[in-house]
């Protein structure tokens, strides 16, 4: 392939990746795709991409929503992160815990990773890294881990009701 054809193929793969990530991409993903660093700056300067978090961008053409914010938080938090607590409960479809998408995105991150992002609450579990699963393209703590995380957040009645609802699912 010639250089323009190679660049076009890379951009097509990048567009497909963004689409699979709710319109979000990280600078790291752009660079690892083989495209020049300047691609990010050019897309931001043109208004095609909007900065969400340091090193994480969204397509201005993609509709904003909870899953997009969750994906952006995961990309910013790194590959060992996962949605946790009420965000995991929402992503896992446990509506008894929260009927609507949580305003704050909660993620579990490794102990060595410190982060402060607007609209994101990072948890660092004391024990081993949480087991996670993929749910609709998002890394989410397992159902068991989600309930462990929420045990200290919910009163006994609400936790029992949520556990019963999950068992029925």
C-alpha atoms as a PDB file:
ATOM      1  CA  UNK A   1       0.000   0.000   0.000  1.00  0.00           C
ATOM      2  CA  UNK A   2       1.147   3.517  -0.683  1.00  0.00           C
ATOM      3  CA  UNK A   3       1.415   5.959   2.219  1.00  0.00           C
ATOM      4  CA  UNK A   4      -1.971   7.656   1.582  1.00  0.00           C
ATOM      5  CA  UNK A   5      -3.661   4.262   1.208  1.00  0.00           C
ATOM      6  CA  UNK A   6      -1.994   2.975   4.400  1.00  0.00           C
ATOM      7  CA  UNK A   7      -3.038   6.113   6.279  1.00  0.00           C
ATOM      8  CA  UNK A   8      -6.593   5.765   4.972  1.00  0.00           C
ATOM      9  CA  UNK A   9      -6.740   2.121   6.101  1.00  0.00           C
ATOM     10  CA  UNK A  10      -5.429   3.093   9.548  1.00  0.00           C
ATOM     11  CA  UNK A  11      -7.978   5.900   9.832  1.00  0.00           C
ATOM     12  CA  UNK A  12     -10.752   3.459   8.871  1.00  0.00           C
ATOM     13  CA  UNK A  13      -9.608   1.033  11.593  1.00  0.00           C
ATOM     14  CA  UNK A  14      -9.443   3.925  14.063  1.00  0.00           C
ATOM     15  CA  UNK A  15     -12.976   5.030  13.121  1.00  0.00           C
ATOM     16  CA  UNK A  16     -14.215   1.453  13.650  1.00  0.00           C
ATOM     17  CA  UNK A  17     -12.491   1.320  17.047  1.00  0.00           C
ATOM     18  CA  UNK A  18     -14.060   4.650  18.048  1.00  0.00           C
ATOM     19  CA  UNK A  19     -17.473   3.405  16.988  1.00  0.00           C
ATOM     20  CA  UNK A  20     -17.032   0.264  19.107  1.00  0.00           C
ATOM     21  CA  UNK A  21     -16.035   2.482  22.060  1.00  0.00           C
ATOM     22  CA  UNK A  22     -19.099   4.765  21.952  1.00  0.00           C
ATOM     23  CA  UNK A  23     -17.254   7.451  19.961  1.00  0.00           C
ATOM     24  CA  UNK A  24     -14.233   7.626  22.312  1.00  0.00           C
ATOM     25  CA  UNK A  25     -10.516   7.074  21.651  1.00  0.00           C
ATOM     26  CA  UNK A  26      -7.303   7.498  23.611  1.00  0.00           C
ATOM     27  CA  UNK A  27      -4.126   9.175  22.383  1.00  0.00           C
ATOM     28  CA  UNK A  28      -2.357   5.892  23.145  1.00  0.00           C
ATOM     29  CA  UNK A  29      -4.694   3.994  20.813  1.00  0.00           C
ATOM     30  CA  UNK A  30      -4.123   6.517  18.017  1.00  0.00           C
ATOM     31  CA  UNK A  31      -0.347   6.272  18.321  1.00  0.00           C
ATOM     32  CA  UNK A  32      -0.336   2.474  18.632  1.00  0.00           C
ATOM     33  CA  UNK A  33      -2.373   2.301  15.413  1.00  0.00           C
ATOM     34  CA  UNK A  34       0.656   3.702  13.591  1.00  0.00           C
ATOM     35  CA  UNK A  35      -0.712   7.189  12.991  1.00  0.00           C
ATOM     36  CA  UNK A  36       1.365  10.272  13.742  1.00  0.00           C
ATOM     37  CA  UNK A  37       0.887  12.127  17.023  1.00  0.00           C
ATOM     38  CA  UNK A  38      -0.196  15.159  15.020  1.00  0.00           C
ATOM     39  CA  UNK A  39      -3.428  13.392  14.026  1.00  0.00           C
ATOM     40  CA  UNK A  40      -4.836  13.991  17.516  1.00  0.00           C
ATOM     41  CA  UNK A  41      -3.877  17.678  17.561  1.00  0.00           C
ATOM     42  CA  UNK A  42      -5.259  18.199  14.061  1.00  0.00           C
ATOM     43  CA  UNK A  43      -8.588  16.512  14.904  1.00  0.00           C
ATOM     44  CA  UNK A  44      -8.928  18.538  18.118  1.00  0.00           C
ATOM     45  CA  UNK A  45      -7.977  21.824  16.389  1.00  0.00           C
ATOM     46  CA  UNK A  46     -10.529  21.151  13.642  1.00  0.00           C
ATOM     47  CA  UNK A  47     -13.250  20.507  16.230  1.00  0.00           C
ATOM     48  CA  UNK A  48     -13.737  16.934  15.026  1.00  0.00           C
ATOM     49  CA  UNK A  49     -12.601  15.524  18.394  1.00  0.00           C
ATOM     50  CA  UNK A  50     -13.281  16.968  21.840  1.00  0.00           C
ATOM     51  CA  UNK A  51     -11.086  16.456  24.896  1.00  0.00           C
ATOM     52  CA  UNK A  52     -12.883  14.515  27.640  1.00  0.00           C
ATOM     53  CA  UNK A  53      -9.959  13.673  29.952  1.00  0.00           C
ATOM     54  CA  UNK A  54      -6.198  14.003  29.550  1.00  0.00           C
ATOM     55  CA  UNK A  55      -5.338  11.784  26.578  1.00  0.00           C
ATOM     56  CA  UNK A  56      -8.969  10.773  25.917  1.00  0.00           C
ATOM     57  CA  UNK A  57     -11.140  12.267  23.176  1.00  0.00           C
ATOM     58  CA  UNK A  58     -14.639  11.863  21.816  1.00  0.00           C
ATOM     59  CA  UNK A  59     -15.929  12.406  18.331  1.00  0.00           C
ATOM     60  CA  UNK A  60     -17.914  15.638  18.196  1.00  0.00           C
ATOM     61  CA  UNK A  61     -20.334  13.804  15.876  1.00  0.00           C
ATOM     62  CA  UNK A  62     -21.107  11.047  18.383  1.00  0.00           C
ATOM     63  CA  UNK A  63     -23.998  11.473  20.794  1.00  0.00           C
ATOM     64  CA  UNK A  64     -22.880  12.015  24.383  1.00  0.00           C
ATOM     65  CA  UNK A  65     -24.198   9.565  26.928  1.00  0.00           C
ATOM     66  CA  UNK A  66     -23.463   7.528  30.034  1.00  0.00           C
ATOM     67  CA  UNK A  67     -21.696   4.663  28.211  1.00  0.00           C
ATOM     68  CA  UNK A  68     -19.477   7.150  26.411  1.00  0.00           C
ATOM     69  CA  UNK A  69     -18.507   8.792  29.716  1.00  0.00           C
ATOM     70  CA  UNK A  70     -17.906   5.358  31.255  1.00  0.00           C
ATOM     71  CA  UNK A  71     -15.660   4.303  28.351  1.00  0.00           C
ATOM     72  CA  UNK A  72     -13.729   7.568  28.567  1.00  0.00           C
ATOM     73  CA  UNK A  73     -13.185   7.037  32.308  1.00  0.00           C
ATOM     74  CA  UNK A  74     -11.939   3.488  31.663  1.00  0.00           C
ATOM     75  CA  UNK A  75      -9.539   4.656  28.957  1.00  0.00           C
ATOM     76  CA  UNK A  76      -8.224   7.393  31.249  1.00  0.00           C
ATOM     77  CA  UNK A  77      -7.878   4.977  34.179  1.00  0.00           C
ATOM     78  CA  UNK A  78      -5.888   2.408  32.220  1.00  0.00           C
ATOM     79  CA  UNK A  79      -6.166  -1.206  31.094  1.00  0.00           C
ATOM     80  CA  UNK A  80      -6.398  -2.710  34.602  1.00  0.00           C
ATOM     81  CA  UNK A  81      -9.391  -0.573  35.574  1.00  0.00           C
ATOM     82  CA  UNK A  82     -13.043  -1.608  35.599  1.00  0.00           C
ATOM     83  CA  UNK A  83     -16.359   0.043  36.326  1.00  0.00           C
ATOM     84  CA  UNK A  84     -17.257  -0.677  39.925  1.00  0.00           C
ATOM     85  CA  UNK A  85     -19.793   0.014  42.663  1.00  0.00           C
ATOM     86  CA  UNK A  86     -22.977   1.718  41.410  1.00  0.00           C
ATOM     87  CA  UNK A  87     -21.559   2.152  37.884  1.00  0.00           C
ATOM     88  CA  UNK A  88     -20.941  -1.595  37.656  1.00  0.00           C
ATOM     89  CA  UNK A  89     -24.423  -2.294  39.031  1.00  0.00           C
ATOM     90  CA  UNK A  90     -25.934  -0.069  36.340  1.00  0.00           C
ATOM     91  CA  UNK A  91     -23.841  -1.602  33.546  1.00  0.00           C
ATOM     92  CA  UNK A  92     -24.681  -5.107  34.763  1.00  0.00           C
ATOM     93  CA  UNK A  93     -28.374  -4.282  34.607  1.00  0.00           C
ATOM     94  CA  UNK A  94     -29.148  -4.382  38.314  1.00  0.00           C
ATOM     95  CA  UNK A  95     -31.838  -1.655  38.234  1.00  0.00           C
ATOM     96  CA  UNK A  96     -32.870  -2.306  41.812  1.00  0.00           C
ATOM     97  CA  UNK A  97     -29.719  -0.494  42.865  1.00  0.00           C
ATOM     98  CA  UNK A  98     -30.067   2.539  40.646  1.00  0.00           C
ATOM     99  CA  UNK A  99     -32.921   3.107  38.249  1.00  0.00           C
ATOM    100  CA  UNK A 100     -31.019   5.736  36.268  1.00  0.00           C
ATOM    101  CA  UNK A 101     -27.452   6.040  35.071  1.00  0.00           C
ATOM    102  CA  UNK A 102     -25.249   7.280  37.905  1.00  0.00           C
ATOM    103  CA  UNK A 103     -23.986  10.848  37.553  1.00  0.00           C
ATOM    104  CA  UNK A 104     -20.531   9.923  38.837  1.00  0.00           C
ATOM    105  CA  UNK A 105     -18.637   7.141  37.061  1.00  0.00           C
ATOM    106  CA  UNK A 106     -17.030   4.795  39.594  1.00  0.00           C
ATOM    107  CA  UNK A 107     -13.957   2.787  38.615  1.00  0.00           C
ATOM    108  CA  UNK A 108     -11.628   0.449  40.462  1.00  0.00           C
ATOM    109  CA  UNK A 109      -7.978   1.114  39.672  1.00  0.00           C
ATOM    110  CA  UNK A 110      -4.730  -0.541  40.773  1.00  0.00           C
ATOM    111  CA  UNK A 111      -3.222   0.811  43.985  1.00  0.00           C
ATOM    112  CA  UNK A 112      -0.283   2.344  42.125  1.00  0.00           C
ATOM    113  CA  UNK A 113      -2.596   4.380  39.889  1.00  0.00           C
ATOM    114  CA  UNK A 114      -3.690   7.741  41.287  1.00  0.00           C
ATOM    115  CA  UNK A 115      -6.179   9.730  39.271  1.00  0.00           C
ATOM    116  CA  UNK A 116      -8.436  12.702  39.647  1.00  0.00           C
ATOM    117  CA  UNK A 117     -10.935  13.218  36.885  1.00  0.00           C
ATOM    118  CA  UNK A 118     -14.041  15.389  36.868  1.00  0.00           C
ATOM    119  CA  UNK A 119     -17.127  13.221  37.307  1.00  0.00           C
ATOM    120  CA  UNK A 120     -15.117  10.079  38.147  1.00  0.00           C
ATOM    121  CA  UNK A 121     -14.615   8.456  41.549  1.00  0.00           C
ATOM    122  CA  UNK A 122     -11.629   6.098  41.602  1.00  0.00           C
ATOM    123  CA  UNK A 123     -11.598   3.264  44.135  1.00  0.00           C
ATOM    124  CA  UNK A 124      -8.417   1.371  44.979  1.00  0.00           C
ATOM    125  CA  UNK A 125      -9.348  -2.004  46.465  1.00  0.00           C
ATOM    126  CA  UNK A 126      -7.108  -3.225  49.299  1.00  0.00           C
ATOM    127  CA  UNK A 127      -7.170  -6.794  48.081  1.00  0.00           C
ATOM    128  CA  UNK A 128      -6.099  -8.286  44.766  1.00  0.00           C
ATOM    129  CA  UNK A 129      -7.255  -6.570  41.585  1.00  0.00           C
ATOM    130  CA  UNK A 130     -10.949  -7.155  41.047  1.00  0.00           C
ATOM    131  CA  UNK A 131     -12.101  -9.799  38.612  1.00  0.00           C
ATOM    132  CA  UNK A 132     -13.891  -8.170  35.731  1.00  0.00           C
ATOM    133  CA  UNK A 133     -16.003  -9.079  32.756  1.00  0.00           C
ATOM    134  CA  UNK A 134     -16.993  -7.316  29.572  1.00  0.00           C
ATOM    135  CA  UNK A 135     -20.526  -5.996  29.424  1.00  0.00           C
ATOM    136  CA  UNK A 136     -21.661  -4.156  26.286  1.00  0.00           C
ATOM    137  CA  UNK A 137     -18.047  -3.241  25.495  1.00  0.00           C
ATOM    138  CA  UNK A 138     -17.246  -1.967  29.009  1.00  0.00           C
ATOM    139  CA  UNK A 139     -14.926  -3.578  31.590  1.00  0.00           C
ATOM    140  CA  UNK A 140     -17.056  -4.146  34.691  1.00  0.00           C
ATOM    141  CA  UNK A 141     -16.314  -5.809  38.014  1.00  0.00           C
ATOM    142  CA  UNK A 142     -17.944  -9.219  38.361  1.00  0.00           C
ATOM    143  CA  UNK A 143     -21.393  -9.403  39.921  1.00  0.00           C
ATOM    144  CA  UNK A 144     -19.908 -10.947  43.071  1.00  0.00           C
ATOM    145  CA  UNK A 145     -17.275  -8.197  43.331  1.00  0.00           C
ATOM    146  CA  UNK A 146     -19.898  -5.526  42.663  1.00  0.00           C
ATOM    147  CA  UNK A 147     -21.965  -6.758  45.620  1.00  0.00           C
ATOM    148  CA  UNK A 148     -18.858  -6.885  47.828  1.00  0.00           C
ATOM    149  CA  UNK A 149     -18.101  -3.274  46.856  1.00  0.00           C
ATOM    150  CA  UNK A 150     -21.681  -2.186  47.525  1.00  0.00           C
ATOM    151  CA  UNK A 151     -22.071  -4.049  50.830  1.00  0.00           C
ATOM    152  CA  UNK A 152     -20.669  -1.068  52.718  1.00  0.00           C
ATOM    153  CA  UNK A 153     -22.725   1.426  50.709  1.00  0.00           C
ATOM    154  CA  UNK A 154     -26.228  -0.016  51.049  1.00  0.00           C
ATOM    155  CA  UNK A 155     -28.414  -0.703  54.030  1.00  0.00           C
ATOM    156  CA  UNK A 156     -29.167  -4.371  54.693  1.00  0.00           C
ATOM    157  CA  UNK A 157     -32.682  -4.254  53.238  1.00  0.00           C
ATOM    158  CA  UNK A 158     -31.597  -2.680  49.958  1.00  0.00           C
ATOM    159  CA  UNK A 159     -28.639  -5.036  49.615  1.00  0.00           C
ATOM    160  CA  UNK A 160     -30.837  -8.090  50.227  1.00  0.00           C
ATOM    161  CA  UNK A 161     -33.403  -6.857  47.696  1.00  0.00           C
ATOM    162  CA  UNK A 162     -30.616  -6.299  45.121  1.00  0.00           C
ATOM    163  CA  UNK A 163     -29.187  -9.776  45.747  1.00  0.00           C
ATOM    164  CA  UNK A 164     -32.630 -11.353  45.339  1.00  0.00           C
ATOM    165  CA  UNK A 165     -33.208  -9.423  42.119  1.00  0.00           C
ATOM    166  CA  UNK A 166     -29.827 -10.529  40.751  1.00  0.00           C
ATOM    167  CA  UNK A 167     -30.590 -14.142  41.565  1.00  0.00           C
ATOM    168  CA  UNK A 168     -33.817 -13.924  39.551  1.00  0.00           C
ATOM    169  CA  UNK A 169     -32.021 -12.452  36.505  1.00  0.00           C
END
